Amino acid sequence: MAIGLKIYHPQKGLTLDITDSLTRILGSFTADTPTGSRTINTQDNDRLFVFFVPETAEYTAPIRITTSSNQINWVYRGDFDGTHKQRIYYGTY
């Protein structure tokens, strides 16, 4: 039996089906160094996703984030000054 969410419209039938996988936000951290990585504890079938949010409304240096298995890696552009950081949120689906 699939677990998830299915939404049906009376005339249109199935309009949303997310029984394949549900997302879970597991946590967040501040990327406060020019480069770095964080290992996330995941289960065998979990797929990792990430997104970032600036911690200030001011200018922040662009950040490049990559994932590999259960590892999150980041690199700020060269003008990162350490005061305008990004918060990285991560989860699985």
PDB file of N, CA and C in Angstrom:
ATOM      1  N   MET A   1       0.842  -1.172   0.000  1.00  0.00           N
ATOM      2  CA  MET A   1       0.000   0.000   0.000  1.00  0.00           C
ATOM      3  C   MET A   1       0.889   1.237   0.000  1.00  0.00           C
ATOM      4  N   ALA A   2       0.602   2.162  -0.921  1.00  0.00           N
ATOM      5  CA  ALA A   2       1.357   3.414  -0.997  1.00  0.00           C
ATOM      6  C   ALA A   2       0.966   4.333   0.153  1.00  0.00           C
ATOM      7  N   ILE A   3       1.938   5.081   0.629  1.00  0.00           N
ATOM      8  CA  ILE A   3       1.683   6.056   1.687  1.00  0.00           C
ATOM      9  C   ILE A   3       2.000   7.424   1.121  1.00  0.00           C
ATOM     10  N   GLY A   4       1.146   8.375   1.374  1.00  0.00           N
ATOM     11  CA  GLY A   4       1.375   9.720   0.870  1.00  0.00           C
ATOM     12  C   GLY A   4       0.080  10.490   0.825  1.00  0.00           C
ATOM     13  N   LEU A   5      -0.095  11.235  -0.253  1.00  0.00           N
ATOM     14  CA  LEU A   5      -1.253  12.101  -0.390  1.00  0.00           C
ATOM     15  C   LEU A   5      -1.770  12.039  -1.814  1.00  0.00           C
ATOM     16  N   LYS A   6      -3.063  11.793  -1.965  1.00  0.00           N
ATOM     17  CA  LYS A   6      -3.741  11.871  -3.258  1.00  0.00           C
ATOM     18  C   LYS A   6      -4.935  12.792  -3.092  1.00  0.00           C
ATOM     19  N   ILE A   7      -5.069  13.744  -4.014  1.00  0.00           N
ATOM     20  CA  ILE A   7      -6.194  14.677  -3.980  1.00  0.00           C
ATOM     21  C   ILE A   7      -6.988  14.508  -5.265  1.00  0.00           C
ATOM     22  N   TYR A   8      -8.285  14.348  -5.101  1.00  0.00           N
ATOM     23  CA  TYR A   8      -9.190  14.157  -6.235  1.00  0.00           C
ATOM     24  C   TYR A   8     -10.145  15.337  -6.344  1.00  0.00           C
ATOM     25  N   HIS A   9     -10.415  15.750  -7.571  1.00  0.00           N
ATOM     26  CA  HIS A   9     -11.425  16.769  -7.862  1.00  0.00           C
ATOM     27  C   HIS A   9     -12.669  16.028  -8.346  1.00  0.00           C
ATOM     28  N   PRO A  10     -13.873  16.445  -7.907  1.00  0.00           N
ATOM     29  CA  PRO A  10     -15.091  15.715  -8.281  1.00  0.00           C
ATOM     30  C   PRO A  10     -15.273  15.543  -9.792  1.00  0.00           C
ATOM     31  N   GLN A  11     -14.917  16.540 -10.594  1.00  0.00           N
ATOM     32  CA  GLN A  11     -15.089  16.427 -12.043  1.00  0.00           C
ATOM     33  C   GLN A  11     -13.805  16.031 -12.780  1.00  0.00           C
ATOM     34  N   LYS A  12     -12.662  16.410 -12.253  1.00  0.00           N
ATOM     35  CA  LYS A  12     -11.401  16.208 -12.970  1.00  0.00           C
ATOM     36  C   LYS A  12     -10.643  14.963 -12.537  1.00  0.00           C
ATOM     37  N   GLY A  13     -11.080  14.322 -11.495  1.00  0.00           N
ATOM     38  CA  GLY A  13     -10.384  13.135 -11.021  1.00  0.00           C
ATOM     39  C   GLY A  13      -9.140  13.476 -10.217  1.00  0.00           C
ATOM     40  N   LEU A  14      -8.118  12.644 -10.342  1.00  0.00           N
ATOM     41  CA  LEU A  14      -6.877  12.811  -9.582  1.00  0.00           C
ATOM     42  C   LEU A  14      -6.155  14.089 -10.017  1.00  0.00           C
ATOM     43  N   THR A  15      -5.902  15.000  -9.077  1.00  0.00           N
ATOM     44  CA  THR A  15      -5.205  16.253  -9.398  1.00  0.00           C
ATOM     45  C   THR A  15      -3.820  16.331  -8.763  1.00  0.00           C
ATOM     46  N   LEU A  16      -3.582  15.578  -7.708  1.00  0.00           N
ATOM     47  CA  LEU A  16      -2.270  15.573  -7.060  1.00  0.00           C
ATOM     48  C   LEU A  16      -2.001  14.183  -6.511  1.00  0.00           C
ATOM     49  N   ASP A  17      -0.819  13.663  -6.822  1.00  0.00           N
ATOM     50  CA  ASP A  17      -0.437  12.335  -6.342  1.00  0.00           C
ATOM     51  C   ASP A  17       1.024  12.389  -5.903  1.00  0.00           C
ATOM     52  N   ILE A  18       1.250  12.396  -4.598  1.00  0.00           N
ATOM     53  CA  ILE A  18       2.623  12.393  -4.081  1.00  0.00           C
ATOM     54  C   ILE A  18       2.836  11.180  -3.172  1.00  0.00           C
ATOM     55  N   THR A  19       2.492  10.029  -3.722  1.00  0.00           N
ATOM     56  CA  THR A  19       2.680   8.799  -2.953  1.00  0.00           C
ATOM     57  C   THR A  19       4.047   8.177  -3.214  1.00  0.00           C
ATOM     58  N   ASP A  20       4.786   8.680  -4.208  1.00  0.00           N
ATOM     59  CA  ASP A  20       6.103   8.119  -4.497  1.00  0.00           C
ATOM     60  C   ASP A  20       7.118   8.473  -3.420  1.00  0.00           C
ATOM     61  N   SER A  21       7.163   9.732  -3.060  1.00  0.00           N
ATOM     62  CA  SER A  21       8.080  10.151  -2.002  1.00  0.00           C
ATOM     63  C   SER A  21       7.610  11.476  -1.429  1.00  0.00           C
ATOM     64  N   LEU A  22       7.794  11.623  -0.146  1.00  0.00           N
ATOM     65  CA  LEU A  22       7.447  12.857   0.547  1.00  0.00           C
ATOM     66  C   LEU A  22       8.730  13.538   0.995  1.00  0.00           C
ATOM     67  N   THR A  23       8.724  14.853   0.985  1.00  0.00           N
ATOM     68  CA  THR A  23       9.915  15.575   1.418  1.00  0.00           C
ATOM     69  C   THR A  23       9.911  15.766   2.925  1.00  0.00           C
ATOM     70  N   ARG A  24      11.105  15.795   3.480  1.00  0.00           N
ATOM     71  CA  ARG A  24      11.283  16.054   4.908  1.00  0.00           C
ATOM     72  C   ARG A  24      12.450  17.018   5.063  1.00  0.00           C
ATOM     73  N   ILE A  25      12.197  18.140   5.712  1.00  0.00           N
ATOM     74  CA  ILE A  25      13.292  19.042   6.070  1.00  0.00           C
ATOM     75  C   ILE A  25      13.940  18.450   7.319  1.00  0.00           C
ATOM     76  N   LEU A  26      15.231  18.188   7.247  1.00  0.00           N
ATOM     77  CA  LEU A  26      15.938  17.577   8.374  1.00  0.00           C
ATOM     78  C   LEU A  26      16.649  18.601   9.241  1.00  0.00           C
ATOM     79  N   GLY A  27      17.038  19.731   8.656  1.00  0.00           N
ATOM     80  CA  GLY A  27      17.744  20.724   9.452  1.00  0.00           C
ATOM     81  C   GLY A  27      18.327  21.828   8.596  1.00  0.00           C
ATOM     82  N   SER A  28      19.143  22.647   9.233  1.00  0.00           N
ATOM     83  CA  SER A  28      19.809  23.743   8.535  1.00  0.00           C
ATOM     84  C   SER A  28      21.094  24.088   9.273  1.00  0.00           C
ATOM     85  N   PHE A  29      21.951  24.799   8.578  1.00  0.00           N
ATOM     86  CA  PHE A  29      23.188  25.285   9.185  1.00  0.00           C
ATOM     87  C   PHE A  29      23.637  26.525   8.425  1.00  0.00           C
ATOM     88  N   THR A  30      24.476  27.314   9.055  1.00  0.00           N
ATOM     89  CA  THR A  30      25.024  28.504   8.421  1.00  0.00           C
ATOM     90  C   THR A  30      26.342  28.150   7.752  1.00  0.00           C
ATOM     91  N   ALA A  31      26.447  28.460   6.470  1.00  0.00           N
ATOM     92  CA  ALA A  31      27.704  28.274   5.744  1.00  0.00           C
ATOM     93  C   ALA A  31      28.557  29.503   6.030  1.00  0.00           C
ATOM     94  N   ASP A  32      29.432  29.406   7.024  1.00  0.00           N
ATOM     95  CA  ASP A  32      30.164  30.576   7.516  1.00  0.00           C
ATOM     96  C   ASP A  32      31.657  30.554   7.196  1.00  0.00           C
ATOM     97  N   THR A  33      32.057  29.671   6.287  1.00  0.00           N
ATOM     98  CA  THR A  33      33.443  29.621   5.833  1.00  0.00           C
ATOM     99  C   THR A  33      33.444  29.715   4.306  1.00  0.00           C
ATOM    100  N   PRO A  34      34.544  30.158   3.699  1.00  0.00           N
ATOM    101  CA  PRO A  34      34.566  30.306   2.239  1.00  0.00           C
ATOM    102  C   PRO A  34      34.266  29.008   1.487  1.00  0.00           C
ATOM    103  N   THR A  35      34.740  27.888   2.009  1.00  0.00           N
ATOM    104  CA  THR A  35      34.426  26.569   1.456  1.00  0.00           C
ATOM    105  C   THR A  35      34.158  25.637   2.623  1.00  0.00           C
ATOM    106  N   GLY A  36      33.423  24.582   2.361  1.00  0.00           N
ATOM    107  CA  GLY A  36      33.176  23.629   3.434  1.00  0.00           C
ATOM    108  C   GLY A  36      32.295  22.491   2.995  1.00  0.00           C
ATOM    109  N   SER A  37      32.051  21.595   3.920  1.00  0.00           N
ATOM    110  CA  SER A  37      31.180  20.453   3.651  1.00  0.00           C
ATOM    111  C   SER A  37      30.531  20.015   4.949  1.00  0.00           C
ATOM    112  N   ARG A  38      29.445  19.321   4.801  1.00  0.00           N
ATOM    113  CA  ARG A  38      28.699  18.798   5.952  1.00  0.00           C
ATOM    114  C   ARG A  38      28.173  17.424   5.547  1.00  0.00           C
ATOM    115  N   THR A  39      28.359  16.436   6.410  1.00  0.00           N
ATOM    116  CA  THR A  39      27.833  15.095   6.179  1.00  0.00           C
ATOM    117  C   THR A  39      26.498  14.972   6.889  1.00  0.00           C
ATOM    118  N   ILE A  40      25.493  14.498   6.161  1.00  0.00           N
ATOM    119  CA  ILE A  40      24.136  14.381   6.669  1.00  0.00           C
ATOM    120  C   ILE A  40      23.809  12.908   6.868  1.00  0.00           C
ATOM    121  N   ASN A  41      23.189  12.587   7.982  1.00  0.00           N
ATOM    122  CA  ASN A  41      22.794  11.214   8.274  1.00  0.00           C
ATOM    123  C   ASN A  41      21.508  10.902   7.508  1.00  0.00           C
ATOM    124  N   THR A  42      21.591  10.032   6.495  1.00  0.00           N
ATOM    125  CA  THR A  42      20.425   9.664   5.690  1.00  0.00           C
ATOM    126  C   THR A  42      20.240   8.154   5.687  1.00  0.00           C
ATOM    127  N   GLN A  43      19.052   7.731   5.290  1.00  0.00           N
ATOM    128  CA  GLN A  43      18.757   6.310   5.135  1.00  0.00           C
ATOM    129  C   GLN A  43      19.177   5.865   3.735  1.00  0.00           C
ATOM    130  N   ASP A  44      19.174   4.565   3.481  1.00  0.00           N
ATOM    131  CA  ASP A  44      19.655   4.013   2.210  1.00  0.00           C
ATOM    132  C   ASP A  44      18.933   4.569   0.986  1.00  0.00           C
ATOM    133  N   ASN A  45      17.614   4.669   1.026  1.00  0.00           N
ATOM    134  CA  ASN A  45      16.843   5.078  -0.147  1.00  0.00           C
ATOM    135  C   ASN A  45      16.590   6.577  -0.211  1.00  0.00           C
ATOM    136  N   ASP A  46      17.007   7.329   0.784  1.00  0.00           N
ATOM    137  CA  ASP A  46      16.740   8.768   0.812  1.00  0.00           C
ATOM    138  C   ASP A  46      17.595   9.505  -0.209  1.00  0.00           C
ATOM    139  N   ARG A  47      16.984  10.504  -0.835  1.00  0.00           N
ATOM    140  CA  ARG A  47      17.696  11.391  -1.754  1.00  0.00           C
ATOM    141  C   ARG A  47      17.761  12.759  -1.093  1.00  0.00           C
ATOM    142  N   LEU A  48      18.929  13.350  -1.108  1.00  0.00           N
ATOM    143  CA  LEU A  48      19.177  14.615  -0.421  1.00  0.00           C
ATOM    144  C   LEU A  48      18.807  15.791  -1.320  1.00  0.00           C
ATOM    145  N   PHE A  49      18.182  16.828  -0.733  1.00  0.00           N
ATOM    146  CA  PHE A  49      17.980  18.089  -1.438  1.00  0.00           C
ATOM    147  C   PHE A  49      18.416  19.224  -0.533  1.00  0.00           C
ATOM    148  N   VAL A  50      18.802  20.342  -1.139  1.00  0.00           N
ATOM    149  CA  VAL A  50      19.255  21.514  -0.386  1.00  0.00           C
ATOM    150  C   VAL A  50      18.722  22.780  -1.040  1.00  0.00           C
ATOM    151  N   PHE A  51      18.596  23.822  -0.240  1.00  0.00           N
ATOM    152  CA  PHE A  51      18.365  25.164  -0.755  1.00  0.00           C
ATOM    153  C   PHE A  51      18.942  26.138   0.258  1.00  0.00           C
ATOM    154  N   PHE A  52      19.183  27.363  -0.169  1.00  0.00           N
ATOM    155  CA  PHE A  52      19.802  28.327   0.734  1.00  0.00           C
ATOM    156  C   PHE A  52      18.975  29.597   0.813  1.00  0.00           C
ATOM    157  N   VAL A  53      19.134  30.294   1.930  1.00  0.00           N
ATOM    158  CA  VAL A  53      18.462  31.564   2.181  1.00  0.00           C
ATOM    159  C   VAL A  53      19.502  32.511   2.778  1.00  0.00           C
ATOM    160  N   PRO A  54      19.662  33.707   2.210  1.00  0.00           N
ATOM    161  CA  PRO A  54      20.602  34.664   2.800  1.00  0.00           C
ATOM    162  C   PRO A  54      20.184  35.019   4.224  1.00  0.00           C
ATOM    163  N   GLU A  55      21.156  35.202   5.093  1.00  0.00           N
ATOM    164  CA  GLU A  55      20.858  35.570   6.478  1.00  0.00           C
ATOM    165  C   GLU A  55      20.755  37.077   6.661  1.00  0.00           C
ATOM    166  N   THR A  56      20.845  37.821   5.571  1.00  0.00           N
ATOM    167  CA  THR A  56      20.729  39.274   5.625  1.00  0.00           C
ATOM    168  C   THR A  56      20.040  39.763   4.362  1.00  0.00           C
ATOM    169  N   ALA A  57      19.446  40.933   4.431  1.00  0.00           N
ATOM    170  CA  ALA A  57      18.840  41.536   3.247  1.00  0.00           C
ATOM    171  C   ALA A  57      19.890  42.272   2.418  1.00  0.00           C
ATOM    172  N   GLU A  58      21.082  42.405   2.955  1.00  0.00           N
ATOM    173  CA  GLU A  58      22.168  43.075   2.245  1.00  0.00           C
ATOM    174  C   GLU A  58      22.786  42.124   1.225  1.00  0.00           C
ATOM    175  N   TYR A  59      23.742  42.635   0.482  1.00  0.00           N
ATOM    176  CA  TYR A  59      24.446  41.831  -0.518  1.00  0.00           C
ATOM    177  C   TYR A  59      25.123  40.630   0.143  1.00  0.00           C
ATOM    178  N   THR A  60      25.029  39.487  -0.507  1.00  0.00           N
ATOM    179  CA  THR A  60      25.777  38.305  -0.081  1.00  0.00           C
ATOM    180  C   THR A  60      26.513  37.752  -1.288  1.00  0.00           C
ATOM    181  N   ALA A  61      27.694  37.245  -1.067  1.00  0.00           N
ATOM    182  CA  ALA A  61      28.459  36.647  -2.157  1.00  0.00           C
ATOM    183  C   ALA A  61      27.724  35.413  -2.659  1.00  0.00           C
ATOM    184  N   PRO A  62      27.675  35.212  -3.980  1.00  0.00           N
ATOM    185  CA  PRO A  62      27.037  34.007  -4.508  1.00  0.00           C
ATOM    186  C   PRO A  62      27.701  32.749  -3.953  1.00  0.00           C
ATOM    187  N   ILE A  63      26.895  31.726  -3.782  1.00  0.00           N
ATOM    188  CA  ILE A  63      27.377  30.461  -3.234  1.00  0.00           C
ATOM    189  C   ILE A  63      27.026  29.341  -4.211  1.00  0.00           C
ATOM    190  N   ARG A  64      27.933  28.392  -4.361  1.00  0.00           N
ATOM    191  CA  ARG A  64      27.674  27.206  -5.182  1.00  0.00           C
ATOM    192  C   ARG A  64      27.575  26.020  -4.229  1.00  0.00           C
ATOM    193  N   ILE A  65      26.465  25.294  -4.318  1.00  0.00           N
ATOM    194  CA  ILE A  65      26.224  24.143  -3.442  1.00  0.00           C
ATOM    195  C   ILE A  65      26.108  22.900  -4.305  1.00  0.00           C
ATOM    196  N   THR A  66      26.807  21.842  -3.915  1.00  0.00           N
ATOM    197  CA  THR A  66      26.690  20.557  -4.591  1.00  0.00           C
ATOM    198  C   THR A  66      26.431  19.481  -3.542  1.00  0.00           C
ATOM    199  N   THR A  67      25.811  18.407  -3.985  1.00  0.00           N
ATOM    200  CA  THR A  67      25.597  17.257  -3.106  1.00  0.00           C
ATOM    201  C   THR A  67      26.170  16.017  -3.771  1.00  0.00           C
ATOM    202  N   SER A  68      26.646  15.123  -2.964  1.00  0.00           N
ATOM    203  CA  SER A  68      27.139  13.840  -3.428  1.00  0.00           C
ATOM    204  C   SER A  68      26.835  12.827  -2.338  1.00  0.00           C
ATOM    205  N   SER A  69      25.930  11.905  -2.639  1.00  0.00           N
ATOM    206  CA  SER A  69      25.489  10.920  -1.660  1.00  0.00           C
ATOM    207  C   SER A  69      24.900  11.659  -0.459  1.00  0.00           C
ATOM    208  N   ASN A  70      25.526  11.582   0.699  1.00  0.00           N
ATOM    209  CA  ASN A  70      25.004  12.269   1.886  1.00  0.00           C
ATOM    210  C   ASN A  70      25.885  13.459   2.290  1.00  0.00           C
ATOM    211  N   GLN A  71      26.620  13.999   1.346  1.00  0.00           N
ATOM    212  CA  GLN A  71      27.545  15.106   1.598  1.00  0.00           C
ATOM    213  C   GLN A  71      27.041  16.387   0.929  1.00  0.00           C
ATOM    214  N   ILE A  72      27.049  17.497   1.677  1.00  0.00           N
ATOM    215  CA  ILE A  72      26.739  18.820   1.137  1.00  0.00           C
ATOM    216  C   ILE A  72      28.039  19.612   1.106  1.00  0.00           C
ATOM    217  N   ASN A  73      28.380  20.160  -0.053  1.00  0.00           N
ATOM    218  CA  ASN A  73      29.599  20.949  -0.218  1.00  0.00           C
ATOM    219  C   ASN A  73      29.218  22.350  -0.679  1.00  0.00           C
ATOM    220  N   TRP A  74      29.941  23.364  -0.207  1.00  0.00           N
ATOM    221  CA  TRP A  74      29.670  24.718  -0.670  1.00  0.00           C
ATOM    222  C   TRP A  74      30.970  25.469  -0.919  1.00  0.00           C
ATOM    223  N   VAL A  75      30.878  26.430  -1.829  1.00  0.00           N
ATOM    224  CA  VAL A  75      31.987  27.320  -2.159  1.00  0.00           C
ATOM    225  C   VAL A  75      31.387  28.694  -2.421  1.00  0.00           C
ATOM    226  N   TYR A  76      31.839  29.690  -1.672  1.00  0.00           N
ATOM    227  CA  TYR A  76      31.448  31.074  -1.942  1.00  0.00           C
ATOM    228  C   TYR A  76      32.346  31.644  -3.035  1.00  0.00           C
ATOM    229  N   ARG A  77      31.835  32.647  -3.720  1.00  0.00           N
ATOM    230  CA  ARG A  77      32.665  33.368  -4.671  1.00  0.00           C
ATOM    231  C   ARG A  77      33.797  34.058  -3.912  1.00  0.00           C
ATOM    232  N   GLY A  78      34.828  34.469  -4.597  1.00  0.00           N
ATOM    233  CA  GLY A  78      36.034  35.002  -3.971  1.00  0.00           C
ATOM    234  C   GLY A  78      35.845  36.216  -3.089  1.00  0.00           C
ATOM    235  N   ASP A  79      34.754  36.974  -3.257  1.00  0.00           N
ATOM    236  CA  ASP A  79      34.585  38.183  -2.444  1.00  0.00           C
ATOM    237  C   ASP A  79      33.801  37.932  -1.154  1.00  0.00           C
ATOM    238  N   PHE A  80      33.685  36.685  -0.723  1.00  0.00           N
ATOM    239  CA  PHE A  80      33.017  36.366   0.542  1.00  0.00           C
ATOM    240  C   PHE A  80      33.816  36.976   1.684  1.00  0.00           C
ATOM    241  N   ASP A  81      33.139  37.782   2.516  1.00  0.00           N
ATOM    242  CA  ASP A  81      33.845  38.481   3.597  1.00  0.00           C
ATOM    243  C   ASP A  81      33.584  37.897   4.985  1.00  0.00           C
ATOM    244  N   GLY A  82      32.779  36.857   5.067  1.00  0.00           N
ATOM    245  CA  GLY A  82      32.524  36.215   6.354  1.00  0.00           C
ATOM    246  C   GLY A  82      31.414  36.839   7.168  1.00  0.00           C
ATOM    247  N   THR A  83      30.904  37.987   6.755  1.00  0.00           N
ATOM    248  CA  THR A  83      29.835  38.622   7.531  1.00  0.00           C
ATOM    249  C   THR A  83      28.459  38.447   6.896  1.00  0.00           C
ATOM    250  N   HIS A  84      28.392  38.265   5.591  1.00  0.00           N
ATOM    251  CA  HIS A  84      27.112  38.097   4.898  1.00  0.00           C
ATOM    252  C   HIS A  84      26.978  36.637   4.473  1.00  0.00           C
ATOM    253  N   LYS A  85      26.420  35.843   5.354  1.00  0.00           N
ATOM    254  CA  LYS A  85      26.402  34.390   5.189  1.00  0.00           C
ATOM    255  C   LYS A  85      25.069  33.906   4.623  1.00  0.00           C
ATOM    256  N   GLN A  86      25.068  32.647   4.197  1.00  0.00           N
ATOM    257  CA  GLN A  86      23.865  31.981   3.710  1.00  0.00           C
ATOM    258  C   GLN A  86      23.525  30.844   4.677  1.00  0.00           C
ATOM    259  N   ARG A  87      22.239  30.619   4.877  1.00  0.00           N
ATOM    260  CA  ARG A  87      21.777  29.479   5.669  1.00  0.00           C
ATOM    261  C   ARG A  87      21.363  28.395   4.688  1.00  0.00           C
ATOM    262  N   ILE A  88      21.911  27.201   4.853  1.00  0.00           N
ATOM    263  CA  ILE A  88      21.603  26.067   3.987  1.00  0.00           C
ATOM    264  C   ILE A  88      20.620  25.159   4.713  1.00  0.00           C
ATOM    265  N   TYR A  89      19.497  24.906   4.075  1.00  0.00           N
ATOM    266  CA  TYR A  89      18.494  23.966   4.579  1.00  0.00           C
ATOM    267  C   TYR A  89      18.641  22.675   3.794  1.00  0.00           C
ATOM    268  N   TYR A  90      18.452  21.557   4.466  1.00  0.00           N
ATOM    269  CA  TYR A  90      18.596  20.270   3.793  1.00  0.00           C
ATOM    270  C   TYR A  90      17.503  19.317   4.255  1.00  0.00           C
ATOM    271  N   GLY A  91      17.246  18.352   3.402  1.00  0.00           N
ATOM    272  CA  GLY A  91      16.234  17.353   3.713  1.00  0.00           C
ATOM    273  C   GLY A  91      16.340  16.190   2.751  1.00  0.00           C
ATOM    274  N   THR A  92      15.396  15.299   2.850  1.00  0.00           N
ATOM    275  CA  THR A  92      15.382  14.127   1.978  1.00  0.00           C
ATOM    276  C   THR A  92      14.014  13.979   1.342  1.00  0.00           C
ATOM    277  N   TYR A  93      14.002  13.232   0.253  1.00  0.00           N
ATOM    278  CA  TYR A  93      12.746  12.898  -0.423  1.00  0.00           C
ATOM    279  C   TYR A  93      12.834  11.510  -0.990  1.00  0.00           C
TER     280      TYR A  93
END
